Amino acid sequence: MGSMKDALKKAGFKATKDNNERKHVAAKKKTDAQKHQEERNFCEVCELIQPDVERFVHRNPTVDAEWICSACVDKNEIHDKFRKTHQSDFAKKGRYRREFGPTRDKKEF
């Protein structure tokens, strides 16, 4: 005894579309809700997703990370002169602030 598919084929029924046929899907456009995916937002120190992560090339021997959020940078007392990027959501909107030492101006980047 064969399968139901074989029985329907013998009866004269045909599949409406081929199994290997796929629809062409166009690339999606980015929305405002997906803009957070363009920038790096994972802090390597606290291992959390933060909106204020920047890249620091520092000389602090207790911290072995480059992408650090502002809270971890303040906690580990890393000066803002070691910051190399201005890419976070907070920095772009002008809300990036530091508690340890002065915050560099966005014109310096």
PDB file of N, CA and C in Angstrom:
ATOM      1  N   MET A   1       0.848  -1.180   0.000  1.00  0.00           N
ATOM      2  CA  MET A   1       0.000   0.000   0.000  1.00  0.00           C
ATOM      3  C   MET A   1       0.892   1.241   0.000  1.00  0.00           C
ATOM      4  N   GLY A   2       0.608   2.216  -0.857  1.00  0.00           N
ATOM      5  CA  GLY A   2       1.410   3.421  -0.999  1.00  0.00           C
ATOM      6  C   GLY A   2       0.907   4.545  -0.104  1.00  0.00           C
ATOM      7  N   SER A   3       1.501   5.653  -0.256  1.00  0.00           N
ATOM      8  CA  SER A   3       1.122   6.805   0.548  1.00  0.00           C
ATOM      9  C   SER A   3      -0.065   7.522  -0.083  1.00  0.00           C
ATOM     10  N   MET A   4      -0.602   8.441   0.638  1.00  0.00           N
ATOM     11  CA  MET A   4      -1.734   9.238   0.160  1.00  0.00           C
ATOM     12  C   MET A   4      -1.311  10.072  -1.048  1.00  0.00           C
ATOM     13  N   LYS A   5      -0.072  10.540  -1.039  1.00  0.00           N
ATOM     14  CA  LYS A   5       0.443  11.336  -2.142  1.00  0.00           C
ATOM     15  C   LYS A   5       0.463  10.528  -3.446  1.00  0.00           C
ATOM     16  N   ASP A   6       0.920   9.289  -3.346  1.00  0.00           N
ATOM     17  CA  ASP A   6       0.948   8.418  -4.527  1.00  0.00           C
ATOM     18  C   ASP A   6      -0.465   8.122  -5.035  1.00  0.00           C
ATOM     19  N   ALA A   7      -1.385   7.921  -4.116  1.00  0.00           N
ATOM     20  CA  ALA A   7      -2.766   7.626  -4.498  1.00  0.00           C
ATOM     21  C   ALA A   7      -3.395   8.810  -5.217  1.00  0.00           C
ATOM     22  N   LEU A   8      -3.117  10.029  -4.736  1.00  0.00           N
ATOM     23  CA  LEU A   8      -3.671  11.222  -5.372  1.00  0.00           C
ATOM     24  C   LEU A   8      -3.050  11.444  -6.748  1.00  0.00           C
ATOM     25  N   LYS A   9      -1.770  11.128  -6.883  1.00  0.00           N
ATOM     26  CA  LYS A   9      -1.106  11.249  -8.186  1.00  0.00           C
ATOM     27  C   LYS A   9      -1.731  10.303  -9.208  1.00  0.00           C
ATOM     28  N   LYS A  10      -2.015   9.065  -8.778  1.00  0.00           N
ATOM     29  CA  LYS A  10      -2.636   8.074  -9.661  1.00  0.00           C
ATOM     30  C   LYS A  10      -4.040   8.496 -10.063  1.00  0.00           C
ATOM     31  N   ALA A  11      -4.712   9.207  -9.163  1.00  0.00           N
ATOM     32  CA  ALA A  11      -6.073   9.657  -9.445  1.00  0.00           C
ATOM     33  C   ALA A  11      -6.088  10.858 -10.387  1.00  0.00           C
ATOM     34  N   GLY A  12      -4.925  11.473 -10.636  1.00  0.00           N
ATOM     35  CA  GLY A  12      -4.866  12.580 -11.578  1.00  0.00           C
ATOM     36  C   GLY A  12      -4.701  13.948 -10.957  1.00  0.00           C
ATOM     37  N   PHE A  13      -4.577  14.003  -9.640  1.00  0.00           N
ATOM     38  CA  PHE A  13      -4.372  15.294  -8.992  1.00  0.00           C
ATOM     39  C   PHE A  13      -2.917  15.719  -9.128  1.00  0.00           C
ATOM     40  N   LYS A  14      -2.710  17.027  -9.249  1.00  0.00           N
ATOM     41  CA  LYS A  14      -1.353  17.562  -9.349  1.00  0.00           C
ATOM     42  C   LYS A  14      -1.120  18.542  -8.205  1.00  0.00           C
ATOM     43  N   ALA A  15       0.134  18.661  -7.789  1.00  0.00           N
ATOM     44  CA  ALA A  15       0.486  19.629  -6.760  1.00  0.00           C
ATOM     45  C   ALA A  15       0.352  21.029  -7.338  1.00  0.00           C
ATOM     46  N   THR A  16      -0.091  21.972  -6.518  1.00  0.00           N
ATOM     47  CA  THR A  16      -0.277  23.330  -7.014  1.00  0.00           C
ATOM     48  C   THR A  16       1.035  24.075  -7.162  1.00  0.00           C
ATOM     49  N   LYS A  17       2.045  23.705  -6.397  1.00  0.00           N
ATOM     50  CA  LYS A  17       3.357  24.323  -6.594  1.00  0.00           C
ATOM     51  C   LYS A  17       4.447  23.303  -6.318  1.00  0.00           C
ATOM     52  N   ASP A  18       5.553  23.511  -6.934  1.00  0.00           N
ATOM     53  CA  ASP A  18       6.675  22.593  -6.809  1.00  0.00           C
ATOM     54  C   ASP A  18       7.287  22.720  -5.412  1.00  0.00           C
ATOM     55  N   ASN A  19       7.761  21.643  -4.850  1.00  0.00           N
ATOM     56  CA  ASN A  19       8.337  21.664  -3.506  1.00  0.00           C
ATOM     57  C   ASN A  19       9.584  22.523  -3.417  1.00  0.00           C
ATOM     58  N   ASN A  20      10.351  22.587  -4.484  1.00  0.00           N
ATOM     59  CA  ASN A  20      11.599  23.345  -4.451  1.00  0.00           C
ATOM     60  C   ASN A  20      11.435  24.799  -4.864  1.00  0.00           C
ATOM     61  N   GLU A  21      10.253  25.170  -5.240  1.00  0.00           N
ATOM     62  CA  GLU A  21      10.019  26.543  -5.676  1.00  0.00           C
ATOM     63  C   GLU A  21       9.920  27.458  -4.461  1.00  0.00           C
ATOM     64  N   ARG A  22      10.659  28.544  -4.472  1.00  0.00           N
ATOM     65  CA  ARG A  22      10.641  29.506  -3.353  1.00  0.00           C
ATOM     66  C   ARG A  22      10.338  30.891  -3.890  1.00  0.00           C
ATOM     67  N   LYS A  23       9.660  31.674  -3.073  1.00  0.00           N
ATOM     68  CA  LYS A  23       9.384  33.062  -3.451  1.00  0.00           C
ATOM     69  C   LYS A  23      10.639  33.899  -3.243  1.00  0.00           C
ATOM     70  N   HIS A  24      10.825  34.875  -4.106  1.00  0.00           N
ATOM     71  CA  HIS A  24      11.945  35.797  -3.958  1.00  0.00           C
ATOM     72  C   HIS A  24      11.587  36.813  -2.877  1.00  0.00           C
ATOM     73  N   VAL A  25      12.452  36.937  -1.891  1.00  0.00           N
ATOM     74  CA  VAL A  25      12.216  37.861  -0.793  1.00  0.00           C
ATOM     75  C   VAL A  25      13.198  39.017  -0.933  1.00  0.00           C
ATOM     76  N   ALA A  26      12.669  40.222  -1.033  1.00  0.00           N
ATOM     77  CA  ALA A  26      13.518  41.407  -1.148  1.00  0.00           C
ATOM     78  C   ALA A  26      14.112  41.739   0.221  1.00  0.00           C
ATOM     79  N   ALA A  27      15.245  42.404   0.239  1.00  0.00           N
ATOM     80  CA  ALA A  27      15.893  42.797   1.488  1.00  0.00           C
ATOM     81  C   ALA A  27      15.027  43.809   2.220  1.00  0.00           C
ATOM     82  N   LYS A  28      14.988  43.662   3.533  1.00  0.00           N
ATOM     83  CA  LYS A  28      14.181  44.570   4.343  1.00  0.00           C
ATOM     84  C   LYS A  28      14.925  45.878   4.561  1.00  0.00           C
ATOM     85  N   LYS A  29      14.186  46.955   4.620  1.00  0.00           N
ATOM     86  CA  LYS A  29      14.781  48.245   4.945  1.00  0.00           C
ATOM     87  C   LYS A  29      14.824  48.397   6.456  1.00  0.00           C
ATOM     88  N   LYS A  30      15.868  49.059   6.942  1.00  0.00           N
ATOM     89  CA  LYS A  30      16.008  49.252   8.380  1.00  0.00           C
ATOM     90  C   LYS A  30      15.019  50.300   8.859  1.00  0.00           C
ATOM     91  N   THR A  31      14.402  50.025   9.975  1.00  0.00           N
ATOM     92  CA  THR A  31      13.484  50.983  10.583  1.00  0.00           C
ATOM     93  C   THR A  31      14.202  51.674  11.730  1.00  0.00           C
ATOM     94  N   ASP A  32      13.541  52.655  12.312  1.00  0.00           N
ATOM     95  CA  ASP A  32      14.132  53.360  13.447  1.00  0.00           C
ATOM     96  C   ASP A  32      14.314  52.427  14.640  1.00  0.00           C
ATOM     97  N   ALA A  33      13.439  51.434  14.751  1.00  0.00           N
ATOM     98  CA  ALA A  33      13.543  50.498  15.863  1.00  0.00           C
ATOM     99  C   ALA A  33      14.765  49.593  15.722  1.00  0.00           C
ATOM    100  N   GLN A  34      15.316  49.451  14.525  1.00  0.00           N
ATOM    101  CA  GLN A  34      16.465  48.577  14.311  1.00  0.00           C
ATOM    102  C   GLN A  34      17.786  49.337  14.258  1.00  0.00           C
ATOM    103  N   LYS A  35      17.788  50.636  14.511  1.00  0.00           N
ATOM    104  CA  LYS A  35      19.019  51.411  14.454  1.00  0.00           C
ATOM    105  C   LYS A  35      20.011  51.006  15.537  1.00  0.00           C
ATOM    106  N   HIS A  36      19.517  50.439  16.645  1.00  0.00           N
ATOM    107  CA  HIS A  36      20.421  50.040  17.719  1.00  0.00           C
ATOM    108  C   HIS A  36      21.349  48.916  17.285  1.00  0.00           C
ATOM    109  N   GLN A  37      21.033  48.239  16.193  1.00  0.00           N
ATOM    110  CA  GLN A  37      21.869  47.146  15.741  1.00  0.00           C
ATOM    111  C   GLN A  37      23.077  47.627  14.937  1.00  0.00           C
ATOM    112  N   GLU A  38      23.124  48.897  14.590  1.00  0.00           N
ATOM    113  CA  GLU A  38      24.241  49.425  13.817  1.00  0.00           C
ATOM    114  C   GLU A  38      25.455  49.727  14.686  1.00  0.00           C
ATOM    115  N   GLU A  39      25.252  49.934  15.955  1.00  0.00           N
ATOM    116  CA  GLU A  39      26.354  50.315  16.829  1.00  0.00           C
ATOM    117  C   GLU A  39      26.610  49.217  17.863  1.00  0.00           C
ATOM    118  N   ARG A  40      27.786  49.240  18.424  1.00  0.00           N
ATOM    119  CA  ARG A  40      28.162  48.229  19.405  1.00  0.00           C
ATOM    120  C   ARG A  40      27.595  48.622  20.754  1.00  0.00           C
ATOM    121  N   ASN A  41      26.898  47.689  21.421  1.00  0.00           N
ATOM    122  CA  ASN A  41      26.250  48.042  22.682  1.00  0.00           C
ATOM    123  C   ASN A  41      26.454  46.987  23.770  1.00  0.00           C
ATOM    124  N   PHE A  42      27.460  46.125  23.624  1.00  0.00           N
ATOM    125  CA  PHE A  42      27.737  45.098  24.627  1.00  0.00           C
ATOM    126  C   PHE A  42      28.974  45.480  25.421  1.00  0.00           C
ATOM    127  N   CYS A  43      28.813  45.628  26.723  1.00  0.00           N
ATOM    128  CA  CYS A  43      29.934  45.961  27.605  1.00  0.00           C
ATOM    129  C   CYS A  43      30.678  44.676  27.948  1.00  0.00           C
ATOM    130  N   GLU A  44      31.983  44.659  27.691  1.00  0.00           N
ATOM    131  CA  GLU A  44      32.795  43.470  27.931  1.00  0.00           C
ATOM    132  C   GLU A  44      33.175  43.304  29.397  1.00  0.00           C
ATOM    133  N   VAL A  45      32.955  44.321  30.219  1.00  0.00           N
ATOM    134  CA  VAL A  45      33.299  44.231  31.635  1.00  0.00           C
ATOM    135  C   VAL A  45      32.130  43.649  32.428  1.00  0.00           C
ATOM    136  N   CYS A  46      30.968  44.288  32.346  1.00  0.00           N
ATOM    137  CA  CYS A  46      29.800  43.798  33.095  1.00  0.00           C
ATOM    138  C   CYS A  46      28.992  42.775  32.300  1.00  0.00           C
ATOM    139  N   GLU A  47      29.345  42.582  31.028  1.00  0.00           N
ATOM    140  CA  GLU A  47      28.698  41.624  30.131  1.00  0.00           C
ATOM    141  C   GLU A  47      27.191  41.853  30.023  1.00  0.00           C
ATOM    142  N   LEU A  48      26.821  43.108  29.885  1.00  0.00           N
ATOM    143  CA  LEU A  48      25.425  43.500  29.694  1.00  0.00           C
ATOM    144  C   LEU A  48      25.303  44.381  28.461  1.00  0.00           C
ATOM    145  N   ILE A  49      24.105  44.493  27.953  1.00  0.00           N
ATOM    146  CA  ILE A  49      23.838  45.393  26.834  1.00  0.00           C
ATOM    147  C   ILE A  49      23.482  46.754  27.415  1.00  0.00           C
ATOM    148  N   GLN A  50      24.278  47.762  27.064  1.00  0.00           N
ATOM    149  CA  GLN A  50      24.106  49.115  27.588  1.00  0.00           C
ATOM    150  C   GLN A  50      24.020  50.092  26.418  1.00  0.00           C
ATOM    151  N   PRO A  51      23.333  51.221  26.583  1.00  0.00           N
ATOM    152  CA  PRO A  51      23.245  52.188  25.483  1.00  0.00           C
ATOM    153  C   PRO A  51      24.444  53.124  25.381  1.00  0.00           C
ATOM    154  N   ASP A  52      25.398  53.029  26.291  1.00  0.00           N
ATOM    155  CA  ASP A  52      26.512  53.988  26.337  1.00  0.00           C
ATOM    156  C   ASP A  52      27.877  53.312  26.264  1.00  0.00           C
ATOM    157  N   VAL A  53      28.016  52.303  25.417  1.00  0.00           N
ATOM    158  CA  VAL A  53      29.274  51.563  25.284  1.00  0.00           C
ATOM    159  C   VAL A  53      30.168  52.258  24.257  1.00  0.00           C
ATOM    160  N   GLU A  54      31.408  52.490  24.648  1.00  0.00           N
ATOM    161  CA  GLU A  54      32.400  53.105  23.773  1.00  0.00           C
ATOM    162  C   GLU A  54      33.681  52.275  23.830  1.00  0.00           C
ATOM    163  N   ARG A  55      34.569  52.496  22.854  1.00  0.00           N
ATOM    164  CA  ARG A  55      35.844  51.773  22.803  1.00  0.00           C
ATOM    165  C   ARG A  55      36.919  52.599  23.508  1.00  0.00           C
ATOM    166  N   PHE A  56      37.584  51.968  24.461  1.00  0.00           N
ATOM    167  CA  PHE A  56      38.660  52.609  25.208  1.00  0.00           C
ATOM    168  C   PHE A  56      39.944  51.815  25.009  1.00  0.00           C
ATOM    169  N   VAL A  57      41.012  52.502  24.606  1.00  0.00           N
ATOM    170  CA  VAL A  57      42.343  51.901  24.550  1.00  0.00           C
ATOM    171  C   VAL A  57      43.094  52.485  25.741  1.00  0.00           C
ATOM    172  N   HIS A  58      43.082  51.738  26.831  1.00  0.00           N
ATOM    173  CA  HIS A  58      43.581  52.243  28.111  1.00  0.00           C
ATOM    174  C   HIS A  58      44.756  51.411  28.602  1.00  0.00           C
ATOM    175  N   ARG A  59      45.333  51.858  29.730  1.00  0.00           N
ATOM    176  CA  ARG A  59      46.469  51.158  30.326  1.00  0.00           C
ATOM    177  C   ARG A  59      46.157  50.658  31.730  1.00  0.00           C
ATOM    178  N   ASN A  60      44.894  50.420  32.014  1.00  0.00           N
ATOM    179  CA  ASN A  60      44.495  49.926  33.326  1.00  0.00           C
ATOM    180  C   ASN A  60      44.700  48.410  33.354  1.00  0.00           C
ATOM    181  N   PRO A  61      45.608  47.899  34.191  1.00  0.00           N
ATOM    182  CA  PRO A  61      45.902  46.458  34.177  1.00  0.00           C
ATOM    183  C   PRO A  61      44.795  45.589  34.775  1.00  0.00           C
ATOM    184  N   THR A  62      43.874  46.163  35.510  1.00  0.00           N
ATOM    185  CA  THR A  62      42.811  45.362  36.127  1.00  0.00           C
ATOM    186  C   THR A  62      41.646  45.094  35.173  1.00  0.00           C
ATOM    187  N   VAL A  63      41.570  45.841  34.081  1.00  0.00           N
ATOM    188  CA  VAL A  63      40.480  45.682  33.116  1.00  0.00           C
ATOM    189  C   VAL A  63      41.068  45.221  31.790  1.00  0.00           C
ATOM    190  N   ASP A  64      40.629  44.055  31.345  1.00  0.00           N
ATOM    191  CA  ASP A  64      41.120  43.505  30.081  1.00  0.00           C
ATOM    192  C   ASP A  64      39.989  43.564  29.050  1.00  0.00           C
ATOM    193  N   ALA A  65      39.530  44.758  28.725  1.00  0.00           N
ATOM    194  CA  ALA A  65      38.435  44.935  27.768  1.00  0.00           C
ATOM    195  C   ALA A  65      38.616  46.265  27.064  1.00  0.00           C
ATOM    196  N   GLU A  66      38.043  46.370  25.865  1.00  0.00           N
ATOM    197  CA  GLU A  66      38.094  47.631  25.126  1.00  0.00           C
ATOM    198  C   GLU A  66      36.723  48.290  25.023  1.00  0.00           C
ATOM    199  N   TRP A  67      35.676  47.498  24.836  1.00  0.00           N
ATOM    200  CA  TRP A  67      34.330  48.052  24.693  1.00  0.00           C
ATOM    201  C   TRP A  67      33.674  48.051  26.067  1.00  0.00           C
ATOM    202  N   ILE A  68      33.588  49.254  26.655  1.00  0.00           N
ATOM    203  CA  ILE A  68      33.183  49.392  28.053  1.00  0.00           C
ATOM    204  C   ILE A  68      32.087  50.447  28.170  1.00  0.00           C
ATOM    205  N   CYS A  69      31.104  50.184  29.029  1.00  0.00           N
ATOM    206  CA  CYS A  69      30.036  51.168  29.259  1.00  0.00           C
ATOM    207  C   CYS A  69      30.550  52.248  30.214  1.00  0.00           C
ATOM    208  N   SER A  70      29.847  53.358  30.268  1.00  0.00           N
ATOM    209  CA  SER A  70      30.324  54.492  31.072  1.00  0.00           C
ATOM    210  C   SER A  70      30.313  54.174  32.565  1.00  0.00           C
ATOM    211  N   ALA A  71      29.391  53.337  33.030  1.00  0.00           N
ATOM    212  CA  ALA A  71      29.365  52.980  34.448  1.00  0.00           C
ATOM    213  C   ALA A  71      30.605  52.183  34.836  1.00  0.00           C
ATOM    214  N   CYS A  72      30.999  51.230  34.009  1.00  0.00           N
ATOM    215  CA  CYS A  72      32.197  50.428  34.299  1.00  0.00           C
ATOM    216  C   CYS A  72      33.471  51.254  34.155  1.00  0.00           C
ATOM    217  N   VAL A  73      33.485  52.183  33.222  1.00  0.00           N
ATOM    218  CA  VAL A  73      34.656  53.046  33.047  1.00  0.00           C
ATOM    219  C   VAL A  73      34.819  53.946  34.265  1.00  0.00           C
ATOM    220  N   ASP A  74      33.710  54.491  34.769  1.00  0.00           N
ATOM    221  CA  ASP A  74      33.776  55.326  35.970  1.00  0.00           C
ATOM    222  C   ASP A  74      34.180  54.503  37.186  1.00  0.00           C
ATOM    223  N   LYS A  75      33.662  53.292  37.291  1.00  0.00           N
ATOM    224  CA  LYS A  75      33.969  52.434  38.433  1.00  0.00           C
ATOM    225  C   LYS A  75      35.449  52.045  38.448  1.00  0.00           C
ATOM    226  N   ASN A  76      36.031  51.817  37.260  1.00  0.00           N
ATOM    227  CA  ASN A  76      37.439  51.432  37.163  1.00  0.00           C
ATOM    228  C   ASN A  76      38.374  52.624  36.961  1.00  0.00           C
ATOM    229  N   GLU A  77      37.847  53.824  37.004  1.00  0.00           N
ATOM    230  CA  GLU A  77      38.600  55.075  36.942  1.00  0.00           C
ATOM    231  C   GLU A  77      39.508  55.156  35.717  1.00  0.00           C
ATOM    232  N   ILE A  78      38.903  54.964  34.561  1.00  0.00           N
ATOM    233  CA  ILE A  78      39.615  55.114  33.289  1.00  0.00           C
ATOM    234  C   ILE A  78      39.279  56.494  32.735  1.00  0.00           C
ATOM    235  N   HIS A  79      40.294  57.276  32.451  1.00  0.00           N
ATOM    236  CA  HIS A  79      40.092  58.652  31.994  1.00  0.00           C
ATOM    237  C   HIS A  79      39.472  58.675  30.600  1.00  0.00           C
ATOM    238  N   ASP A  80      38.739  59.732  30.299  1.00  0.00           N
ATOM    239  CA  ASP A  80      38.028  59.846  29.022  1.00  0.00           C
ATOM    240  C   ASP A  80      38.972  60.136  27.853  1.00  0.00           C
ATOM    241  N   LYS A  81      40.225  60.508  28.130  1.00  0.00           N
ATOM    242  CA  LYS A  81      41.167  60.760  27.031  1.00  0.00           C
ATOM    243  C   LYS A  81      41.540  59.467  26.306  1.00  0.00           C
ATOM    244  N   PHE A  82      41.247  58.294  26.901  1.00  0.00           N
ATOM    245  CA  PHE A  82      41.519  57.007  26.274  1.00  0.00           C
ATOM    246  C   PHE A  82      40.362  56.518  25.404  1.00  0.00           C
ATOM    247  N   ARG A  83      39.275  57.279  25.353  1.00  0.00           N
ATOM    248  CA  ARG A  83      38.123  56.888  24.539  1.00  0.00           C
ATOM    249  C   ARG A  83      38.430  57.148  23.072  1.00  0.00           C
ATOM    250  N   LYS A  84      38.183  56.138  22.210  1.00  0.00           N
ATOM    251  CA  LYS A  84      38.509  56.232  20.793  1.00  0.00           C
ATOM    252  C   LYS A  84      37.289  56.389  19.894  1.00  0.00           C
ATOM    253  N   THR A  85      36.105  56.114  20.396  1.00  0.00           N
ATOM    254  CA  THR A  85      34.911  56.183  19.553  1.00  0.00           C
ATOM    255  C   THR A  85      33.892  57.168  20.117  1.00  0.00           C
ATOM    256  N   HIS A  86      32.957  57.513  19.282  1.00  0.00           N
ATOM    257  CA  HIS A  86      31.818  58.377  19.645  1.00  0.00           C
ATOM    258  C   HIS A  86      30.599  57.789  18.941  1.00  0.00           C
ATOM    259  N   GLN A  87      30.346  56.467  19.169  1.00  0.00           N
ATOM    260  CA  GLN A  87      29.378  55.744  18.369  1.00  0.00           C
ATOM    261  C   GLN A  87      28.107  55.362  19.113  1.00  0.00           C
ATOM    262  N   SER A  88      28.061  55.483  20.412  1.00  0.00           N
ATOM    263  CA  SER A  88      26.910  55.006  21.161  1.00  0.00           C
ATOM    264  C   SER A  88      25.705  55.918  20.978  1.00  0.00           C
ATOM    265  N   ASP A  89      24.561  55.389  21.352  1.00  0.00           N
ATOM    266  CA  ASP A  89      23.311  56.147  21.244  1.00  0.00           C
ATOM    267  C   ASP A  89      23.362  57.385  22.132  1.00  0.00           C
ATOM    268  N   PHE A  90      23.904  57.238  23.337  1.00  0.00           N
ATOM    269  CA  PHE A  90      24.013  58.379  24.247  1.00  0.00           C
ATOM    270  C   PHE A  90      24.949  59.447  23.686  1.00  0.00           C
ATOM    271  N   ALA A  91      26.055  59.025  23.083  1.00  0.00           N
ATOM    272  CA  ALA A  91      27.028  59.984  22.547  1.00  0.00           C
ATOM    273  C   ALA A  91      26.440  60.744  21.361  1.00  0.00           C
ATOM    274  N   LYS A  92      25.718  60.058  20.501  1.00  0.00           N
ATOM    275  CA  LYS A  92      25.133  60.719  19.331  1.00  0.00           C
ATOM    276  C   LYS A  92      24.065  61.727  19.706  1.00  0.00           C
ATOM    277  N   LYS A  93      23.355  61.455  20.798  1.00  0.00           N
ATOM    278  CA  LYS A  93      22.296  62.366  21.231  1.00  0.00           C
ATOM    279  C   LYS A  93      22.788  63.425  22.215  1.00  0.00           C
ATOM    280  N   GLY A  94      24.082  63.389  22.538  1.00  0.00           N
ATOM    281  CA  GLY A  94      24.662  64.402  23.432  1.00  0.00           C
ATOM    282  C   GLY A  94      24.392  64.149  24.895  1.00  0.00           C
ATOM    283  N   ARG A  95      24.080  62.918  25.273  1.00  0.00           N
ATOM    284  CA  ARG A  95      23.781  62.600  26.671  1.00  0.00           C
ATOM    285  C   ARG A  95      24.872  61.784  27.332  1.00  0.00           C
ATOM    286  N   TYR A  96      26.019  61.586  26.672  1.00  0.00           N
ATOM    287  CA  TYR A  96      27.106  60.803  27.252  1.00  0.00           C
ATOM    288  C   TYR A  96      27.821  61.650  28.291  1.00  0.00           C
ATOM    289  N   ARG A  97      27.782  61.228  29.543  1.00  0.00           N
ATOM    290  CA  ARG A  97      28.400  61.964  30.648  1.00  0.00           C
ATOM    291  C   ARG A  97      29.272  61.025  31.453  1.00  0.00           C
ATOM    292  N   ARG A  98      30.324  61.586  32.023  1.00  0.00           N
ATOM    293  CA  ARG A  98      31.250  60.826  32.857  1.00  0.00           C
ATOM    294  C   ARG A  98      31.235  61.400  34.261  1.00  0.00           C
ATOM    295  N   GLU A  99      31.394  60.514  35.250  1.00  0.00           N
ATOM    296  CA  GLU A  99      31.498  60.954  36.639  1.00  0.00           C
ATOM    297  C   GLU A  99      32.951  61.065  37.066  1.00  0.00           C
ATOM    298  N   PHE A 100      33.839  60.275  36.430  1.00  0.00           N
ATOM    299  CA  PHE A 100      35.266  60.325  36.749  1.00  0.00           C
ATOM    300  C   PHE A 100      35.965  61.178  35.696  1.00  0.00           C
ATOM    301  N   GLY A 101      36.381  62.343  36.081  1.00  0.00           N
ATOM    302  CA  GLY A 101      37.104  63.221  35.166  1.00  0.00           C
ATOM    303  C   GLY A 101      36.181  63.915  34.170  1.00  0.00           C
ATOM    304  N   PRO A 102      36.764  64.760  33.329  1.00  0.00           N
ATOM    305  CA  PRO A 102      35.948  65.507  32.361  1.00  0.00           C
ATOM    306  C   PRO A 102      35.535  64.629  31.173  1.00  0.00           C
ATOM    307  N   THR A 103      34.418  64.987  30.564  1.00  0.00           N
ATOM    308  CA  THR A 103      33.941  64.302  29.371  1.00  0.00           C
ATOM    309  C   THR A 103      34.453  65.052  28.160  1.00  0.00           C
ATOM    310  N   ARG A 104      35.050  64.331  27.219  1.00  0.00           N
ATOM    311  CA  ARG A 104      35.565  64.977  25.999  1.00  0.00           C
ATOM    312  C   ARG A 104      34.416  65.483  25.144  1.00  0.00           C
ATOM    313  N   ASP A 105      34.678  66.561  24.443  1.00  0.00           N
ATOM    314  CA  ASP A 105      33.677  67.148  23.557  1.00  0.00           C
ATOM    315  C   ASP A 105      33.548  66.313  22.312  1.00  0.00           C
ATOM    316  N   LYS A 106      32.355  66.260  21.732  1.00  0.00           N
ATOM    317  CA  LYS A 106      32.141  65.436  20.531  1.00  0.00           C
ATOM    318  C   LYS A 106      32.856  65.991  19.311  1.00  0.00           C
ATOM    319  N   LYS A 107      33.315  67.233  19.349  1.00  0.00           N
ATOM    320  CA  LYS A 107      34.061  67.817  18.226  1.00  0.00           C
ATOM    321  C   LYS A 107      35.454  67.205  18.110  1.00  0.00           C
ATOM    322  N   GLU A 108      35.947  66.566  19.169  1.00  0.00           N
ATOM    323  CA  GLU A 108      37.285  65.969  19.154  1.00  0.00           C
ATOM    324  C   GLU A 108      37.331  64.646  18.389  1.00  0.00           C
ATOM    325  N   PHE A 109      36.195  64.104  18.038  1.00  0.00           N
ATOM    326  CA  PHE A 109      36.159  62.811  17.349  1.00  0.00           C
ATOM    327  C   PHE A 109      35.997  62.977  15.875  1.00  0.00           C
TER     328      PHE A 109
END
